[in-house]
Amino acid sequence: MENYSVAISYKNDLGYVEYDSEKKSAEVTLANDEGKQATENFLSETHDIEVPHKTLLDFTVEKIDPLESVKSFQLALTRLWEATGVHVDWSRPVDYVKTHPFYDTDD
């Protein structure tokens, strides 16, 4: 299976997190050490997350290990911002971030 990658940002730095489903591990690439460490710490812990079901009012709390599967990884990332201040840029292409790891501030 291919690795799953998603762009992240923290302060003025862009980066990405790559999940390896075979190794059940994630690698954080982010120039900002504070944001990188916060993301690594968050992904290394299990979390109690309210998971939605059939309706908008149908939630159950489930213990999620972010590195257990791609689905768990994605679910945990939906809570990354609130827990760490690191933003998940779901729509930003990871290939772009790899070549442009900073916001353009020349405007």
C-alpha atoms as a PDB file:
ATOM      1  CA  MET A   1       0.000   0.000   0.000  1.00  0.00           C
ATOM      2  CA  GLU A   2       1.116   3.542  -0.712  1.00  0.00           C
ATOM      3  CA  ASN A   3       1.956   5.929   2.109  1.00  0.00           C
ATOM      4  CA  TYR A   4      -0.649   8.550   3.007  1.00  0.00           C
ATOM      5  CA  SER A   5       0.594  12.158   3.175  1.00  0.00           C
ATOM      6  CA  VAL A   6      -1.116  15.364   4.189  1.00  0.00           C
ATOM      7  CA  ALA A   7       0.152  18.942   4.359  1.00  0.00           C
ATOM      8  CA  ILE A   8       0.418  20.755   7.683  1.00  0.00           C
ATOM      9  CA  SER A   9       1.334  24.279   8.724  1.00  0.00           C
ATOM     10  CA  TYR A  10       2.516  25.929  11.906  1.00  0.00           C
ATOM     11  CA  LYS A  11       3.209  29.646  12.204  1.00  0.00           C
ATOM     12  CA  ASN A  12       5.092  30.545   8.962  1.00  0.00           C
ATOM     13  CA  ASP A  13       6.210  27.026   8.106  1.00  0.00           C
ATOM     14  CA  LEU A  14       4.602  24.529   5.782  1.00  0.00           C
ATOM     15  CA  GLY A  15       5.291  20.826   6.081  1.00  0.00           C
ATOM     16  CA  TYR A  16       3.660  17.454   5.871  1.00  0.00           C
ATOM     17  CA  VAL A  17       3.014  14.236   7.747  1.00  0.00           C
ATOM     18  CA  GLU A  18       3.469  10.918   6.012  1.00  0.00           C
ATOM     19  CA  TYR A  19       1.863   7.748   7.371  1.00  0.00           C
ATOM     20  CA  ASP A  20       3.400   4.362   6.545  1.00  0.00           C
ATOM     21  CA  SER A  21       0.685   1.720   6.892  1.00  0.00           C
ATOM     22  CA  GLU A  22       3.119  -1.210   6.762  1.00  0.00           C
ATOM     23  CA  LYS A  23       5.285   0.116   9.604  1.00  0.00           C
ATOM     24  CA  LYS A  24       2.356   1.812  11.374  1.00  0.00           C
ATOM     25  CA  SER A  25       4.453   4.925  11.790  1.00  0.00           C
ATOM     26  CA  ALA A  26       4.358   8.567  10.815  1.00  0.00           C
ATOM     27  CA  GLU A  27       7.130  10.945   9.838  1.00  0.00           C
ATOM     28  CA  VAL A  28       6.650  14.669  10.403  1.00  0.00           C
ATOM     29  CA  THR A  29       8.514  17.058   8.117  1.00  0.00           C
ATOM     30  CA  LEU A  30       8.260  20.620   9.427  1.00  0.00           C
ATOM     31  CA  ALA A  31      11.012  23.228   9.853  1.00  0.00           C
ATOM     32  CA  ASN A  32       9.454  24.577  13.056  1.00  0.00           C
ATOM     33  CA  ASP A  33      10.747  22.341  15.863  1.00  0.00           C
ATOM     34  CA  GLU A  34       7.935  23.311  18.255  1.00  0.00           C
ATOM     35  CA  GLY A  35       5.217  22.351  15.766  1.00  0.00           C
ATOM     36  CA  LYS A  36       7.060  19.219  14.697  1.00  0.00           C
ATOM     37  CA  GLN A  37       7.485  18.007  18.284  1.00  0.00           C
ATOM     38  CA  ALA A  38       3.850  18.791  19.141  1.00  0.00           C
ATOM     39  CA  THR A  39       2.658  16.788  16.124  1.00  0.00           C
ATOM     40  CA  GLU A  40       4.942  13.846  16.894  1.00  0.00           C
ATOM     41  CA  ASN A  41       3.787  13.801  20.513  1.00  0.00           C
ATOM     42  CA  PHE A  42       0.122  13.967  19.506  1.00  0.00           C
ATOM     43  CA  LEU A  43       0.468  11.101  17.038  1.00  0.00           C
ATOM     44  CA  SER A  44       2.305   8.911  19.554  1.00  0.00           C
ATOM     45  CA  GLU A  45      -0.568   8.944  22.078  1.00  0.00           C
ATOM     46  CA  THR A  46      -4.031   7.389  22.046  1.00  0.00           C
ATOM     47  CA  HIS A  47      -6.985   9.787  22.202  1.00  0.00           C
ATOM     48  CA  ASP A  48     -10.624   9.563  23.235  1.00  0.00           C
ATOM     49  CA  ILE A  49     -12.458  10.956  20.205  1.00  0.00           C
ATOM     50  CA  GLU A  50     -16.180  11.388  19.655  1.00  0.00           C
ATOM     51  CA  VAL A  51     -16.823   9.484  16.439  1.00  0.00           C
ATOM     52  CA  PRO A  52     -19.964  10.313  14.401  1.00  0.00           C
ATOM     53  CA  HIS A  53     -22.325   7.614  13.192  1.00  0.00           C
ATOM     54  CA  LYS A  54     -25.724   7.715  11.419  1.00  0.00           C
ATOM     55  CA  THR A  55     -26.946  11.184  12.426  1.00  0.00           C
ATOM     56  CA  LEU A  56     -25.503  14.519  13.548  1.00  0.00           C
ATOM     57  CA  LEU A  57     -26.441  13.627  17.121  1.00  0.00           C
ATOM     58  CA  ASP A  58     -25.182  10.044  17.073  1.00  0.00           C
ATOM     59  CA  PHE A  59     -21.652  10.017  18.533  1.00  0.00           C
ATOM     60  CA  THR A  60     -19.727   7.557  20.646  1.00  0.00           C
ATOM     61  CA  VAL A  61     -16.403   8.091  22.356  1.00  0.00           C
ATOM     62  CA  GLU A  62     -13.783   5.733  20.995  1.00  0.00           C
ATOM     63  CA  LYS A  63     -10.155   5.281  21.940  1.00  0.00           C
ATOM     64  CA  ILE A  64      -8.138   6.045  18.785  1.00  0.00           C
ATOM     65  CA  ASP A  65      -4.511   5.075  18.223  1.00  0.00           C
ATOM     66  CA  PRO A  66      -3.457   7.435  15.399  1.00  0.00           C
ATOM     67  CA  LEU A  67      -0.890   4.969  14.046  1.00  0.00           C
ATOM     68  CA  GLU A  68      -3.152   1.900  13.951  1.00  0.00           C
ATOM     69  CA  SER A  69      -4.500   2.510  10.429  1.00  0.00           C
ATOM     70  CA  VAL A  70      -4.943   5.187   7.768  1.00  0.00           C
ATOM     71  CA  LYS A  71      -8.519   5.715   8.963  1.00  0.00           C
ATOM     72  CA  SER A  72      -7.382   6.209  12.580  1.00  0.00           C
ATOM     73  CA  PHE A  73      -4.567   8.496  11.406  1.00  0.00           C
ATOM     74  CA  GLN A  74      -7.007  10.656   9.433  1.00  0.00           C
ATOM     75  CA  LEU A  75      -9.479  10.787  12.312  1.00  0.00           C
ATOM     76  CA  ALA A  76      -6.788  11.809  14.787  1.00  0.00           C
ATOM     77  CA  LEU A  77      -5.596  14.555  12.430  1.00  0.00           C
ATOM     78  CA  THR A  78      -9.055  16.150  12.611  1.00  0.00           C
ATOM     79  CA  ARG A  79      -8.216  16.947  16.254  1.00  0.00           C
ATOM     80  CA  LEU A  80      -4.587  18.057  15.719  1.00  0.00           C
ATOM     81  CA  TRP A  81      -5.315  21.797  15.445  1.00  0.00           C
ATOM     82  CA  GLU A  82      -7.263  22.006  18.684  1.00  0.00           C
ATOM     83  CA  ALA A  83      -4.666  19.986  20.605  1.00  0.00           C
ATOM     84  CA  THR A  84      -1.463  21.521  19.214  1.00  0.00           C
ATOM     85  CA  GLY A  85      -2.118  24.592  17.067  1.00  0.00           C
ATOM     86  CA  VAL A  86      -0.748  22.705  14.042  1.00  0.00           C
ATOM     87  CA  HIS A  87      -3.135  23.105  11.115  1.00  0.00           C
ATOM     88  CA  VAL A  88      -3.872  20.246   8.721  1.00  0.00           C
ATOM     89  CA  ASP A  89      -4.038  21.644   5.177  1.00  0.00           C
ATOM     90  CA  TRP A  90      -6.266  18.928   3.714  1.00  0.00           C
ATOM     91  CA  SER A  91      -6.546  20.578   0.291  1.00  0.00           C
ATOM     92  CA  ARG A  92      -2.946  21.784  -0.119  1.00  0.00           C
ATOM     93  CA  PRO A  93      -0.981  19.469  -2.444  1.00  0.00           C
ATOM     94  CA  VAL A  94       1.879  17.794  -0.567  1.00  0.00           C
ATOM     95  CA  ASP A  95       4.139  18.007  -3.625  1.00  0.00           C
ATOM     96  CA  TYR A  96       3.772  21.798  -3.506  1.00  0.00           C
ATOM     97  CA  VAL A  97       4.723  21.869   0.171  1.00  0.00           C
ATOM     98  CA  LYS A  98       7.827  19.771  -0.469  1.00  0.00           C
ATOM     99  CA  THR A  99       9.156  22.449  -2.837  1.00  0.00           C
ATOM    100  CA  HIS A 100       7.730  25.532  -1.031  1.00  0.00           C
ATOM    101  CA  PRO A 101       8.012  24.939   2.745  1.00  0.00           C
ATOM    102  CA  PHE A 102       7.249  28.580   3.683  1.00  0.00           C
ATOM    103  CA  TYR A 103       4.406  30.997   3.071  1.00  0.00           C
ATOM    104  CA  ASP A 104       5.207  33.663   0.477  1.00  0.00           C
ATOM    105  CA  THR A 105       5.309  36.867   2.538  1.00  0.00           C
ATOM    106  CA  ASP A 106       6.592  39.221  -0.192  1.00  0.00           C
ATOM    107  CA  ASP A 107       3.161  40.772  -0.831  1.00  0.00           C
END
